[in-house]
Amino acid sequence: MQIVRRAPQIVLGLALAYSGIGHLTTSRITFRAQVPTLFKGYEDFVVLASGVDEILLGLSLIALWKYRVQIVWLVAIFFTAVFWGNISQYINKVDAFGHNSDRVRFIRLLFQPLLVA
């Protein structure tokens, strides 16, 4: 029964870790395109830092069950922080990860708050 309770947290942890690895490797250039213009000139740093954060948060969700409440709060803060990248992608009409229309980018914006909740 314990594994059933932990499954959503483990799935989210794996997804975060996988995405974080993508920030550092194969998807690095695509993630750079999503960095808000406010950070112009620091795109690579932002992508690398957020990738490391995602990996650490993902692994923490999986391994540190005892601290799940605190970690979930950190994940919510992280999702809130990266939401600005999604807004920037929508406003600046940046095609990335198959989000190649305003409609698709807007729908993505609607789902982001669900991750925070």
PDB file of N, CA and C in Angstrom:
ATOM      1  N   MET A   1       0.817  -1.202   0.000  1.00  0.00           N
ATOM      2  CA  MET A   1       0.000   0.000   0.000  1.00  0.00           C
ATOM      3  C   MET A   1       0.860   1.264   0.000  1.00  0.00           C
ATOM      4  N   GLN A   2       1.986   1.185   0.668  1.00  0.00           N
ATOM      5  CA  GLN A   2       2.892   2.333   0.742  1.00  0.00           C
ATOM      6  C   GLN A   2       3.337   2.775  -0.645  1.00  0.00           C
ATOM      7  N   ILE A   3       3.622   1.820  -1.532  1.00  0.00           N
ATOM      8  CA  ILE A   3       4.099   2.160  -2.875  1.00  0.00           C
ATOM      9  C   ILE A   3       3.014   2.893  -3.667  1.00  0.00           C
ATOM     10  N   VAL A   4       1.750   2.559  -3.429  1.00  0.00           N
ATOM     11  CA  VAL A   4       0.651   3.234  -4.122  1.00  0.00           C
ATOM     12  C   VAL A   4       0.599   4.705  -3.701  1.00  0.00           C
ATOM     13  N   ARG A   5       0.812   4.969  -2.431  1.00  0.00           N
ATOM     14  CA  ARG A   5       0.829   6.346  -1.940  1.00  0.00           C
ATOM     15  C   ARG A   5       2.019   7.121  -2.481  1.00  0.00           C
ATOM     16  N   ARG A   6       3.115   6.411  -2.690  1.00  0.00           N
ATOM     17  CA  ARG A   6       4.341   7.073  -3.133  1.00  0.00           C
ATOM     18  C   ARG A   6       4.441   7.199  -4.649  1.00  0.00           C
ATOM     19  N   ALA A   7       3.640   6.442  -5.384  1.00  0.00           N
ATOM     20  CA  ALA A   7       3.773   6.387  -6.848  1.00  0.00           C
ATOM     21  C   ALA A   7       3.737   7.766  -7.516  1.00  0.00           C
ATOM     22  N   PRO A   8       2.757   8.624  -7.224  1.00  0.00           N
ATOM     23  CA  PRO A   8       2.752   9.937  -7.897  1.00  0.00           C
ATOM     24  C   PRO A   8       4.017  10.748  -7.609  1.00  0.00           C
ATOM     25  N   GLN A   9       4.491  10.678  -6.385  1.00  0.00           N
ATOM     26  CA  GLN A   9       5.696  11.412  -6.016  1.00  0.00           C
ATOM     27  C   GLN A   9       6.917  10.836  -6.733  1.00  0.00           C
ATOM     28  N   ILE A  10       6.979   9.524  -6.863  1.00  0.00           N
ATOM     29  CA  ILE A  10       8.090   8.884  -7.569  1.00  0.00           C
ATOM     30  C   ILE A  10       8.048   9.239  -9.053  1.00  0.00           C
ATOM     31  N   VAL A  11       6.859   9.210  -9.645  1.00  0.00           N
ATOM     32  CA  VAL A  11       6.724   9.557 -11.069  1.00  0.00           C
ATOM     33  C   VAL A  11       7.162  11.006 -11.306  1.00  0.00           C
ATOM     34  N   LEU A  12       6.711  11.925 -10.461  1.00  0.00           N
ATOM     35  CA  LEU A  12       7.120  13.322 -10.594  1.00  0.00           C
ATOM     36  C   LEU A  12       8.628  13.463 -10.394  1.00  0.00           C
ATOM     37  N   GLY A  13       9.167  12.732  -9.431  1.00  0.00           N
ATOM     38  CA  GLY A  13      10.610  12.772  -9.194  1.00  0.00           C
ATOM     39  C   GLY A  13      11.398  12.293 -10.397  1.00  0.00           C
ATOM     40  N   LEU A  14      10.952  11.201 -11.009  1.00  0.00           N
ATOM     41  CA  LEU A  14      11.626  10.691 -12.209  1.00  0.00           C
ATOM     42  C   LEU A  14      11.516  11.685 -13.360  1.00  0.00           C
ATOM     43  N   ALA A  15      10.342  12.285 -13.519  1.00  0.00           N
ATOM     44  CA  ALA A  15      10.149  13.263 -14.599  1.00  0.00           C
ATOM     45  C   ALA A  15      11.055  14.479 -14.399  1.00  0.00           C
ATOM     46  N   LEU A  16      11.149  14.954 -13.171  1.00  0.00           N
ATOM     47  CA  LEU A  16      12.021  16.102 -12.892  1.00  0.00           C
ATOM     48  C   LEU A  16      13.484  15.757 -13.150  1.00  0.00           C
ATOM     49  N   ALA A  17      13.917  14.596 -12.673  1.00  0.00           N
ATOM     50  CA  ALA A  17      15.313  14.195 -12.878  1.00  0.00           C
ATOM     51  C   ALA A  17      15.618  14.039 -14.364  1.00  0.00           C
ATOM     52  N   TYR A  18      14.698  13.432 -15.100  1.00  0.00           N
ATOM     53  CA  TYR A  18      14.885  13.249 -16.542  1.00  0.00           C
ATOM     54  C   TYR A  18      14.978  14.603 -17.255  1.00  0.00           C
ATOM     55  N   SER A  19      14.081  15.501 -16.913  1.00  0.00           N
ATOM     56  CA  SER A  19      14.099  16.833 -17.512  1.00  0.00           C
ATOM     57  C   SER A  19      15.380  17.578 -17.145  1.00  0.00           C
ATOM     58  N   GLY A  20      15.805  17.449 -15.904  1.00  0.00           N
ATOM     59  CA  GLY A  20      17.041  18.097 -15.467  1.00  0.00           C
ATOM     60  C   GLY A  20      18.254  17.601 -16.230  1.00  0.00           C
ATOM     61  N   ILE A  21      18.296  16.303 -16.485  1.00  0.00           N
ATOM     62  CA  ILE A  21      19.393  15.743 -17.280  1.00  0.00           C
ATOM     63  C   ILE A  21      19.345  16.315 -18.689  1.00  0.00           C
ATOM     64  N   GLY A  22      18.141  16.489 -19.225  1.00  0.00           N
ATOM     65  CA  GLY A  22      17.989  17.108 -20.542  1.00  0.00           C
ATOM     66  C   GLY A  22      18.532  18.526 -20.570  1.00  0.00           C
ATOM     67  N   HIS A  23      18.351  19.261 -19.470  1.00  0.00           N
ATOM     68  CA  HIS A  23      18.897  20.623 -19.373  1.00  0.00           C
ATOM     69  C   HIS A  23      20.418  20.621 -19.538  1.00  0.00           C
ATOM     70  N   LEU A  24      21.040  19.578 -19.032  1.00  0.00           N
ATOM     71  CA  LEU A  24      22.502  19.524 -19.037  1.00  0.00           C
ATOM     72  C   LEU A  24      23.068  18.873 -20.293  1.00  0.00           C
ATOM     73  N   THR A  25      22.221  18.207 -21.068  1.00  0.00           N
ATOM     74  CA  THR A  25      22.733  17.429 -22.206  1.00  0.00           C
ATOM     75  C   THR A  25      21.984  17.757 -23.496  1.00  0.00           C
ATOM     76  N   THR A  26      21.144  16.838 -23.929  1.00  0.00           N
ATOM     77  CA  THR A  26      20.561  16.854 -25.271  1.00  0.00           C
ATOM     78  C   THR A  26      19.604  18.002 -25.556  1.00  0.00           C
ATOM     79  N   SER A  27      18.927  18.526 -24.563  1.00  0.00           N
ATOM     80  CA  SER A  27      17.922  19.578 -24.789  1.00  0.00           C
ATOM     81  C   SER A  27      18.403  20.958 -24.358  1.00  0.00           C
ATOM     82  N   ARG A  28      19.661  21.075 -24.102  1.00  0.00           N
ATOM     83  CA  ARG A  28      20.207  22.316 -23.544  1.00  0.00           C
ATOM     84  C   ARG A  28      19.909  23.538 -24.417  1.00  0.00           C
ATOM     85  N   ILE A  29      20.100  23.420 -25.707  1.00  0.00           N
ATOM     86  CA  ILE A  29      19.872  24.555 -26.611  1.00  0.00           C
ATOM     87  C   ILE A  29      18.392  24.928 -26.638  1.00  0.00           C
ATOM     88  N   THR A  30      17.531  23.926 -26.649  1.00  0.00           N
ATOM     89  CA  THR A  30      16.093  24.194 -26.664  1.00  0.00           C
ATOM     90  C   THR A  30      15.664  24.895 -25.383  1.00  0.00           C
ATOM     91  N   PHE A  31      16.186  24.454 -24.251  1.00  0.00           N
ATOM     92  CA  PHE A  31      15.850  25.119 -22.988  1.00  0.00           C
ATOM     93  C   PHE A  31      16.373  26.556 -22.957  1.00  0.00           C
ATOM     94  N   ARG A  32      17.515  26.791 -23.584  1.00  0.00           N
ATOM     95  CA  ARG A  32      18.056  28.165 -23.633  1.00  0.00           C
ATOM     96  C   ARG A  32      17.063  29.116 -24.302  1.00  0.00           C
ATOM     97  N   ALA A  33      16.353  28.617 -25.302  1.00  0.00           N
ATOM     98  CA  ALA A  33      15.390  29.457 -26.026  1.00  0.00           C
ATOM     99  C   ALA A  33      14.229  29.891 -25.132  1.00  0.00           C
ATOM    100  N   GLN A  34      13.988  29.172 -24.053  1.00  0.00           N
ATOM    101  CA  GLN A  34      12.870  29.487 -23.168  1.00  0.00           C
ATOM    102  C   GLN A  34      13.235  30.446 -22.041  1.00  0.00           C
ATOM    103  N   VAL A  35      14.508  30.749 -21.902  1.00  0.00           N
ATOM    104  CA  VAL A  35      14.933  31.645 -20.823  1.00  0.00           C
ATOM    105  C   VAL A  35      14.408  33.052 -21.116  1.00  0.00           C
ATOM    106  N   PRO A  36      13.744  33.685 -20.143  1.00  0.00           N
ATOM    107  CA  PRO A  36      13.203  35.031 -20.363  1.00  0.00           C
ATOM    108  C   PRO A  36      14.294  36.025 -20.767  1.00  0.00           C
ATOM    109  N   THR A  37      13.902  37.021 -21.543  1.00  0.00           N
ATOM    110  CA  THR A  37      14.851  38.019 -22.034  1.00  0.00           C
ATOM    111  C   THR A  37      15.498  38.810 -20.894  1.00  0.00           C
ATOM    112  N   LEU A  38      14.879  38.817 -19.742  1.00  0.00           N
ATOM    113  CA  LEU A  38      15.447  39.470 -18.565  1.00  0.00           C
ATOM    114  C   LEU A  38      16.841  38.918 -18.253  1.00  0.00           C
ATOM    115  N   PHE A  39      17.057  37.649 -18.589  1.00  0.00           N
ATOM    116  CA  PHE A  39      18.328  36.987 -18.303  1.00  0.00           C
ATOM    117  C   PHE A  39      19.223  36.889 -19.537  1.00  0.00           C
ATOM    118  N   LYS A  40      19.018  37.785 -20.487  1.00  0.00           N
ATOM    119  CA  LYS A  40      19.818  37.774 -21.710  1.00  0.00           C
ATOM    120  C   LYS A  40      21.302  37.837 -21.354  1.00  0.00           C
ATOM    121  N   GLY A  41      22.056  36.941 -21.942  1.00  0.00           N
ATOM    122  CA  GLY A  41      23.478  36.842 -21.653  1.00  0.00           C
ATOM    123  C   GLY A  41      23.800  35.808 -20.590  1.00  0.00           C
ATOM    124  N   TYR A  42      22.777  35.361 -19.873  1.00  0.00           N
ATOM    125  CA  TYR A  42      22.967  34.367 -18.817  1.00  0.00           C
ATOM    126  C   TYR A  42      22.165  33.095 -19.091  1.00  0.00           C
ATOM    127  N   GLU A  43      21.743  32.918 -20.329  1.00  0.00           N
ATOM    128  CA  GLU A  43      20.875  31.796 -20.675  1.00  0.00           C
ATOM    129  C   GLU A  43      21.485  30.459 -20.275  1.00  0.00           C
ATOM    130  N   ASP A  44      22.764  30.272 -20.589  1.00  0.00           N
ATOM    131  CA  ASP A  44      23.395  28.993 -20.303  1.00  0.00           C
ATOM    132  C   ASP A  44      23.439  28.732 -18.798  1.00  0.00           C
ATOM    133  N   PHE A  45      23.771  29.749 -18.022  1.00  0.00           N
ATOM    134  CA  PHE A  45      23.799  29.593 -16.572  1.00  0.00           C
ATOM    135  C   PHE A  45      22.417  29.229 -16.039  1.00  0.00           C
ATOM    136  N   VAL A  46      21.393  29.919 -16.520  1.00  0.00           N
ATOM    137  CA  VAL A  46      20.026  29.663 -16.055  1.00  0.00           C
ATOM    138  C   VAL A  46      19.613  28.230 -16.377  1.00  0.00           C
ATOM    139  N   VAL A  47      19.921  27.775 -17.589  1.00  0.00           N
ATOM    140  CA  VAL A  47      19.559  26.412 -17.994  1.00  0.00           C
ATOM    141  C   VAL A  47      20.313  25.385 -17.154  1.00  0.00           C
ATOM    142  N   LEU A  48      21.603  25.583 -16.972  1.00  0.00           N
ATOM    143  CA  LEU A  48      22.390  24.633 -16.185  1.00  0.00           C
ATOM    144  C   LEU A  48      21.946  24.618 -14.723  1.00  0.00           C
ATOM    145  N   ALA A  49      21.733  25.790 -14.149  1.00  0.00           N
ATOM    146  CA  ALA A  49      21.314  25.867 -12.747  1.00  0.00           C
ATOM    147  C   ALA A  49      19.939  25.240 -12.544  1.00  0.00           C
ATOM    148  N   SER A  50      19.011  25.535 -13.441  1.00  0.00           N
ATOM    149  CA  SER A  50      17.675  24.948 -13.286  1.00  0.00           C
ATOM    150  C   SER A  50      17.717  23.444 -13.527  1.00  0.00           C
ATOM    151  N   GLY A  51      18.611  22.986 -14.399  1.00  0.00           N
ATOM    152  CA  GLY A  51      18.760  21.549 -14.621  1.00  0.00           C
ATOM    153  C   GLY A  51      19.267  20.841 -13.378  1.00  0.00           C
ATOM    154  N   VAL A  52      20.275  21.413 -12.741  1.00  0.00           N
ATOM    155  CA  VAL A  52      20.791  20.833 -11.496  1.00  0.00           C
ATOM    156  C   VAL A  52      19.700  20.846 -10.431  1.00  0.00           C
ATOM    157  N   ASP A  53      18.970  21.952 -10.335  1.00  0.00           N
ATOM    158  CA  ASP A  53      17.863  22.035  -9.372  1.00  0.00           C
ATOM    159  C   ASP A  53      16.830  20.942  -9.630  1.00  0.00           C
ATOM    160  N   GLU A  54      16.475  20.751 -10.893  1.00  0.00           N
ATOM    161  CA  GLU A  54      15.475  19.726 -11.221  1.00  0.00           C
ATOM    162  C   GLU A  54      15.956  18.333 -10.842  1.00  0.00           C
ATOM    163  N   ILE A  55      17.207  18.047 -11.127  1.00  0.00           N
ATOM    164  CA  ILE A  55      17.749  16.731 -10.771  1.00  0.00           C
ATOM    165  C   ILE A  55      17.710  16.535  -9.260  1.00  0.00           C
ATOM    166  N   LEU A  56      18.173  17.523  -8.520  1.00  0.00           N
ATOM    167  CA  LEU A  56      18.185  17.411  -7.060  1.00  0.00           C
ATOM    168  C   LEU A  56      16.775  17.290  -6.484  1.00  0.00           C
ATOM    169  N   LEU A  57      15.850  18.082  -7.000  1.00  0.00           N
ATOM    170  CA  LEU A  57      14.468  17.993  -6.518  1.00  0.00           C
ATOM    171  C   LEU A  57      13.856  16.643  -6.866  1.00  0.00           C
ATOM    172  N   GLY A  58      14.103  16.179  -8.085  1.00  0.00           N
ATOM    173  CA  GLY A  58      13.565  14.886  -8.498  1.00  0.00           C
ATOM    174  C   GLY A  58      14.081  13.750  -7.641  1.00  0.00           C
ATOM    175  N   LEU A  59      15.388  13.710  -7.430  1.00  0.00           N
ATOM    176  CA  LEU A  59      15.969  12.654  -6.602  1.00  0.00           C
ATOM    177  C   LEU A  59      15.505  12.772  -5.153  1.00  0.00           C
ATOM    178  N   SER A  60      15.326  13.992  -4.682  1.00  0.00           N
ATOM    179  CA  SER A  60      14.834  14.195  -3.318  1.00  0.00           C
ATOM    180  C   SER A  60      13.406  13.678  -3.160  1.00  0.00           C
ATOM    181  N   LEU A  61      12.569  13.914  -4.165  1.00  0.00           N
ATOM    182  CA  LEU A  61      11.196  13.394  -4.108  1.00  0.00           C
ATOM    183  C   LEU A  61      11.191  11.873  -3.996  1.00  0.00           C
ATOM    184  N   ILE A  62      12.144  11.242  -4.655  1.00  0.00           N
ATOM    185  CA  ILE A  62      12.202   9.778  -4.657  1.00  0.00           C
ATOM    186  C   ILE A  62      12.823   9.241  -3.371  1.00  0.00           C
ATOM    187  N   ALA A  63      13.915   9.838  -2.940  1.00  0.00           N
ATOM    188  CA  ALA A  63      14.719   9.237  -1.877  1.00  0.00           C
ATOM    189  C   ALA A  63      14.427   9.756  -0.469  1.00  0.00           C
ATOM    190  N   LEU A  64      13.916  10.945  -0.347  1.00  0.00           N
ATOM    191  CA  LEU A  64      13.759  11.551   0.981  1.00  0.00           C
ATOM    192  C   LEU A  64      12.295  11.639   1.395  1.00  0.00           C
ATOM    193  N   TRP A  65      11.641  10.508   1.454  1.00  0.00           N
ATOM    194  CA  TRP A  65      10.218  10.439   1.768  1.00  0.00           C
ATOM    195  C   TRP A  65       9.903  11.113   3.102  1.00  0.00           C
ATOM    196  N   LYS A  66      10.808  10.984   4.052  1.00  0.00           N
ATOM    197  CA  LYS A  66      10.595  11.552   5.386  1.00  0.00           C
ATOM    198  C   LYS A  66      10.396  13.075   5.328  1.00  0.00           C
ATOM    199  N   TYR A  67      11.000  13.712   4.335  1.00  0.00           N
ATOM    200  CA  TYR A  67      10.931  15.167   4.205  1.00  0.00           C
ATOM    201  C   TYR A  67      10.033  15.605   3.048  1.00  0.00           C
ATOM    202  N   ARG A  68       9.081  14.758   2.697  1.00  0.00           N
ATOM    203  CA  ARG A  68       8.267  15.006   1.501  1.00  0.00           C
ATOM    204  C   ARG A  68       7.524  16.340   1.542  1.00  0.00           C
ATOM    205  N   VAL A  69       7.035  16.741   2.688  1.00  0.00           N
ATOM    206  CA  VAL A  69       6.279  17.998   2.770  1.00  0.00           C
ATOM    207  C   VAL A  69       7.184  19.180   2.418  1.00  0.00           C
ATOM    208  N   GLN A  70       8.366  19.211   2.996  1.00  0.00           N
ATOM    209  CA  GLN A  70       9.298  20.297   2.711  1.00  0.00           C
ATOM    210  C   GLN A  70       9.743  20.270   1.248  1.00  0.00           C
ATOM    211  N   ILE A  71       9.992  19.078   0.727  1.00  0.00           N
ATOM    212  CA  ILE A  71      10.450  18.949  -0.659  1.00  0.00           C
ATOM    213  C   ILE A  71       9.344  19.361  -1.625  1.00  0.00           C
ATOM    214  N   VAL A  72       8.116  18.975  -1.334  1.00  0.00           N
ATOM    215  CA  VAL A  72       7.000  19.357  -2.206  1.00  0.00           C
ATOM    216  C   VAL A  72       6.858  20.879  -2.243  1.00  0.00           C
ATOM    217  N   TRP A  73       7.072  21.541  -1.122  1.00  0.00           N
ATOM    218  CA  TRP A  73       7.047  23.008  -1.112  1.00  0.00           C
ATOM    219  C   TRP A  73       8.158  23.574  -2.001  1.00  0.00           C
ATOM    220  N   LEU A  74       9.336  22.984  -1.929  1.00  0.00           N
ATOM    221  CA  LEU A  74      10.444  23.438  -2.784  1.00  0.00           C
ATOM    222  C   LEU A  74      10.127  23.223  -4.261  1.00  0.00           C
ATOM    223  N   VAL A  75       9.499  22.090  -4.574  1.00  0.00           N
ATOM    224  CA  VAL A  75       9.114  21.813  -5.963  1.00  0.00           C
ATOM    225  C   VAL A  75       8.083  22.845  -6.433  1.00  0.00           C
ATOM    226  N   ALA A  76       7.124  23.173  -5.578  1.00  0.00           N
ATOM    227  CA  ALA A  76       6.115  24.182  -5.940  1.00  0.00           C
ATOM    228  C   ALA A  76       6.773  25.537  -6.188  1.00  0.00           C
ATOM    229  N   ILE A  77       7.730  25.896  -5.363  1.00  0.00           N
ATOM    230  CA  ILE A  77       8.458  27.158  -5.560  1.00  0.00           C
ATOM    231  C   ILE A  77       9.231  27.116  -6.873  1.00  0.00           C
ATOM    232  N   PHE A  78       9.857  25.980  -7.160  1.00  0.00           N
ATOM    233  CA  PHE A  78      10.607  25.828  -8.410  1.00  0.00           C
ATOM    234  C   PHE A  78       9.675  25.986  -9.612  1.00  0.00           C
ATOM    235  N   PHE A  79       8.535  25.301  -9.596  1.00  0.00           N
ATOM    236  CA  PHE A  79       7.586  25.405 -10.716  1.00  0.00           C
ATOM    237  C   PHE A  79       7.076  26.841 -10.879  1.00  0.00           C
ATOM    238  N   THR A  80       6.903  27.539  -9.778  1.00  0.00           N
ATOM    239  CA  THR A  80       6.490  28.941  -9.855  1.00  0.00           C
ATOM    240  C   THR A  80       7.589  29.788 -10.498  1.00  0.00           C
ATOM    241  N   ALA A  81       8.829  29.523 -10.130  1.00  0.00           N
ATOM    242  CA  ALA A  81       9.957  30.285 -10.686  1.00  0.00           C
ATOM    243  C   ALA A  81      10.114  30.054 -12.186  1.00  0.00           C
ATOM    244  N   VAL A  82       9.979  28.817 -12.634  1.00  0.00           N
ATOM    245  CA  VAL A  82      10.182  28.539 -14.063  1.00  0.00           C
ATOM    246  C   VAL A  82       8.949  28.889 -14.892  1.00  0.00           C
ATOM    247  N   PHE A  83       7.848  29.194 -14.239  1.00  0.00           N
ATOM    248  CA  PHE A  83       6.641  29.610 -14.954  1.00  0.00           C
ATOM    249  C   PHE A  83       6.919  30.834 -15.819  1.00  0.00           C
ATOM    250  N   TRP A  84       7.811  31.696 -15.366  1.00  0.00           N
ATOM    251  CA  TRP A  84       8.146  32.906 -16.127  1.00  0.00           C
ATOM    252  C   TRP A  84       8.787  32.551 -17.461  1.00  0.00           C
ATOM    253  N   GLY A  85       9.507  31.437 -17.514  1.00  0.00           N
ATOM    254  CA  GLY A  85      10.060  30.979 -18.790  1.00  0.00           C
ATOM    255  C   GLY A  85       8.965  30.577 -19.757  1.00  0.00           C
ATOM    256  N   ASN A  86       7.918  29.956 -19.238  1.00  0.00           N
ATOM    257  CA  ASN A  86       6.792  29.567 -20.090  1.00  0.00           C
ATOM    258  C   ASN A  86       6.015  30.791 -20.569  1.00  0.00           C
ATOM    259  N   ILE A  87       5.876  31.774 -19.697  1.00  0.00           N
ATOM    260  CA  ILE A  87       5.225  33.023 -20.101  1.00  0.00           C
ATOM    261  C   ILE A  87       6.051  33.703 -21.187  1.00  0.00           C
ATOM    262  N   SER A  88       7.356  33.735 -20.998  1.00  0.00           N
ATOM    263  CA  SER A  88       8.249  34.333 -21.994  1.00  0.00           C
ATOM    264  C   SER A  88       8.147  33.603 -23.328  1.00  0.00           C
ATOM    265  N   GLN A  89       8.060  32.276 -23.268  1.00  0.00           N
ATOM    266  CA  GLN A  89       7.923  31.495 -24.502  1.00  0.00           C
ATOM    267  C   GLN A  89       6.642  31.883 -25.233  1.00  0.00           C
ATOM    268  N   TYR A  90       5.568  32.087 -24.495  1.00  0.00           N
ATOM    269  CA  TYR A  90       4.291  32.470 -25.100  1.00  0.00           C
ATOM    270  C   TYR A  90       4.356  33.892 -25.671  1.00  0.00           C
ATOM    271  N   ILE A  91       4.817  34.838 -24.869  1.00  0.00           N
ATOM    272  CA  ILE A  91       4.854  36.244 -25.294  1.00  0.00           C
ATOM    273  C   ILE A  91       5.769  36.444 -26.497  1.00  0.00           C
ATOM    274  N   ASN A  92       6.923  35.781 -26.472  1.00  0.00           N
ATOM    275  CA  ASN A  92       7.914  35.967 -27.535  1.00  0.00           C
ATOM    276  C   ASN A  92       7.766  34.973 -28.684  1.00  0.00           C
ATOM    277  N   LYS A  93       6.706  34.146 -28.620  1.00  0.00           N
ATOM    278  CA  LYS A  93       6.399  33.192 -29.695  1.00  0.00           C
ATOM    279  C   LYS A  93       7.586  32.282 -30.017  1.00  0.00           C
ATOM    280  N   VAL A  94       8.190  31.723 -28.969  1.00  0.00           N
ATOM    281  CA  VAL A  94       9.344  30.840 -29.131  1.00  0.00           C
ATOM    282  C   VAL A  94       8.856  29.414 -29.361  1.00  0.00           C
ATOM    283  N   ASP A  95       9.268  28.829 -30.476  1.00  0.00           N
ATOM    284  CA  ASP A  95       8.939  27.436 -30.768  1.00  0.00           C
ATOM    285  C   ASP A  95       9.951  26.536 -30.068  1.00  0.00           C
ATOM    286  N   ALA A  96       9.468  25.681 -29.175  1.00  0.00           N
ATOM    287  CA  ALA A  96      10.339  24.742 -28.476  1.00  0.00           C
ATOM    288  C   ALA A  96       9.503  23.580 -27.969  1.00  0.00           C
ATOM    289  N   PHE A  97      10.060  22.397 -28.031  1.00  0.00           N
ATOM    290  CA  PHE A  97       9.423  21.184 -27.525  1.00  0.00           C
ATOM    291  C   PHE A  97       8.051  20.927 -28.141  1.00  0.00           C
ATOM    292  N   GLY A  98       7.894  21.250 -29.405  1.00  0.00           N
ATOM    293  CA  GLY A  98       6.632  21.011 -30.089  1.00  0.00           C
ATOM    294  C   GLY A  98       5.570  22.064 -29.825  1.00  0.00           C
ATOM    295  N   HIS A  99       5.898  23.052 -29.037  1.00  0.00           N
ATOM    296  CA  HIS A  99       4.960  24.149 -28.779  1.00  0.00           C
ATOM    297  C   HIS A  99       5.196  25.206 -29.849  1.00  0.00           C
ATOM    298  N   ASN A 100       4.559  24.990 -30.997  1.00  0.00           N
ATOM    299  CA  ASN A 100       4.854  25.832 -32.157  1.00  0.00           C
ATOM    300  C   ASN A 100       3.676  26.693 -32.604  1.00  0.00           C
ATOM    301  N   SER A 101       2.742  26.920 -31.696  1.00  0.00           N
ATOM    302  CA  SER A 101       1.646  27.843 -31.996  1.00  0.00           C
ATOM    303  C   SER A 101       1.252  28.549 -30.703  1.00  0.00           C
ATOM    304  N   ASP A 102       0.656  29.714 -30.851  1.00  0.00           N
ATOM    305  CA  ASP A 102       0.214  30.451 -29.663  1.00  0.00           C
ATOM    306  C   ASP A 102      -0.793  29.643 -28.859  1.00  0.00           C
ATOM    307  N   ARG A 103      -1.638  28.925 -29.550  1.00  0.00           N
ATOM    308  CA  ARG A 103      -2.668  28.130 -28.861  1.00  0.00           C
ATOM    309  C   ARG A 103      -2.028  27.068 -27.970  1.00  0.00           C
ATOM    310  N   VAL A 104      -1.077  26.329 -28.516  1.00  0.00           N
ATOM    311  CA  VAL A 104      -0.411  25.272 -27.748  1.00  0.00           C
ATOM    312  C   VAL A 104       0.365  25.874 -26.578  1.00  0.00           C
ATOM    313  N   ARG A 105       1.062  26.967 -26.830  1.00  0.00           N
ATOM    314  CA  ARG A 105       1.821  27.616 -25.754  1.00  0.00           C
ATOM    315  C   ARG A 105       0.883  28.137 -24.660  1.00  0.00           C
ATOM    316  N   PHE A 106      -0.287  28.649 -25.043  1.00  0.00           N
ATOM    317  CA  PHE A 106      -1.245  29.144 -24.056  1.00  0.00           C
ATOM    318  C   PHE A 106      -1.828  27.995 -23.229  1.00  0.00           C
ATOM    319  N   ILE A 107      -2.149  26.897 -23.878  1.00  0.00           N
ATOM    320  CA  ILE A 107      -2.673  25.731 -23.152  1.00  0.00           C
ATOM    321  C   ILE A 107      -1.653  25.244 -22.131  1.00  0.00           C
ATOM    322  N   ARG A 108      -0.383  25.257 -22.522  1.00  0.00           N
ATOM    323  CA  ARG A 108       0.666  24.864 -21.583  1.00  0.00           C
ATOM    324  C   ARG A 108       0.654  25.782 -20.360  1.00  0.00           C
ATOM    325  N   LEU A 109       0.464  27.069 -20.585  1.00  0.00           N
ATOM    326  CA  LEU A 109       0.402  28.010 -19.465  1.00  0.00           C
ATOM    327  C   LEU A 109      -0.731  27.664 -18.503  1.00  0.00           C
ATOM    328  N   LEU A 110      -1.844  27.209 -19.039  1.00  0.00           N
ATOM    329  CA  LEU A 110      -2.988  26.866 -18.191  1.00  0.00           C
ATOM    330  C   LEU A 110      -2.702  25.666 -17.301  1.00  0.00           C
ATOM    331  N   PHE A 111      -1.865  24.739 -17.784  1.00  0.00           N
ATOM    332  CA  PHE A 111      -1.584  23.532 -17.013  1.00  0.00           C
ATOM    333  C   PHE A 111      -0.472  23.721 -15.980  1.00  0.00           C
ATOM    334  N   GLN A 112       0.384  24.697 -16.162  1.00  0.00           N
ATOM    335  CA  GLN A 112       1.502  24.907 -15.238  1.00  0.00           C
ATOM    336  C   GLN A 112       1.041  25.111 -13.790  1.00  0.00           C
ATOM    337  N   PRO A 113      -0.006  25.906 -13.528  1.00  0.00           N
ATOM    338  CA  PRO A 113      -0.438  26.065 -12.132  1.00  0.00           C
ATOM    339  C   PRO A 113      -0.867  24.748 -11.476  1.00  0.00           C
ATOM    340  N   LEU A 114      -1.310  23.785 -12.261  1.00  0.00           N
ATOM    341  CA  LEU A 114      -1.671  22.488 -11.687  1.00  0.00           C
ATOM    342  C   LEU A 114      -0.457  21.803 -11.074  1.00  0.00           C
ATOM    343  N   LEU A 115       0.706  22.000 -11.665  1.00  0.00           N
ATOM    344  CA  LEU A 115       1.922  21.424 -11.097  1.00  0.00           C
ATOM    345  C   LEU A 115       2.263  22.077  -9.764  1.00  0.00           C
ATOM    346  N   VAL A 116       1.963  23.349  -9.648  1.00  0.00           N
ATOM    347  CA  VAL A 116       2.241  24.049  -8.396  1.00  0.00           C
ATOM    348  C   VAL A 116       1.292  23.571  -7.305  1.00  0.00           C
ATOM    349  N   ALA A 117       0.040  23.349  -7.692  1.00  0.00           N
ATOM    350  CA  ALA A 117      -0.959  22.894  -6.720  1.00  0.00           C
ATOM    351  C   ALA A 117      -0.646  21.483  -6.312  1.00  0.00           C
TER     352      ALA A 117
END
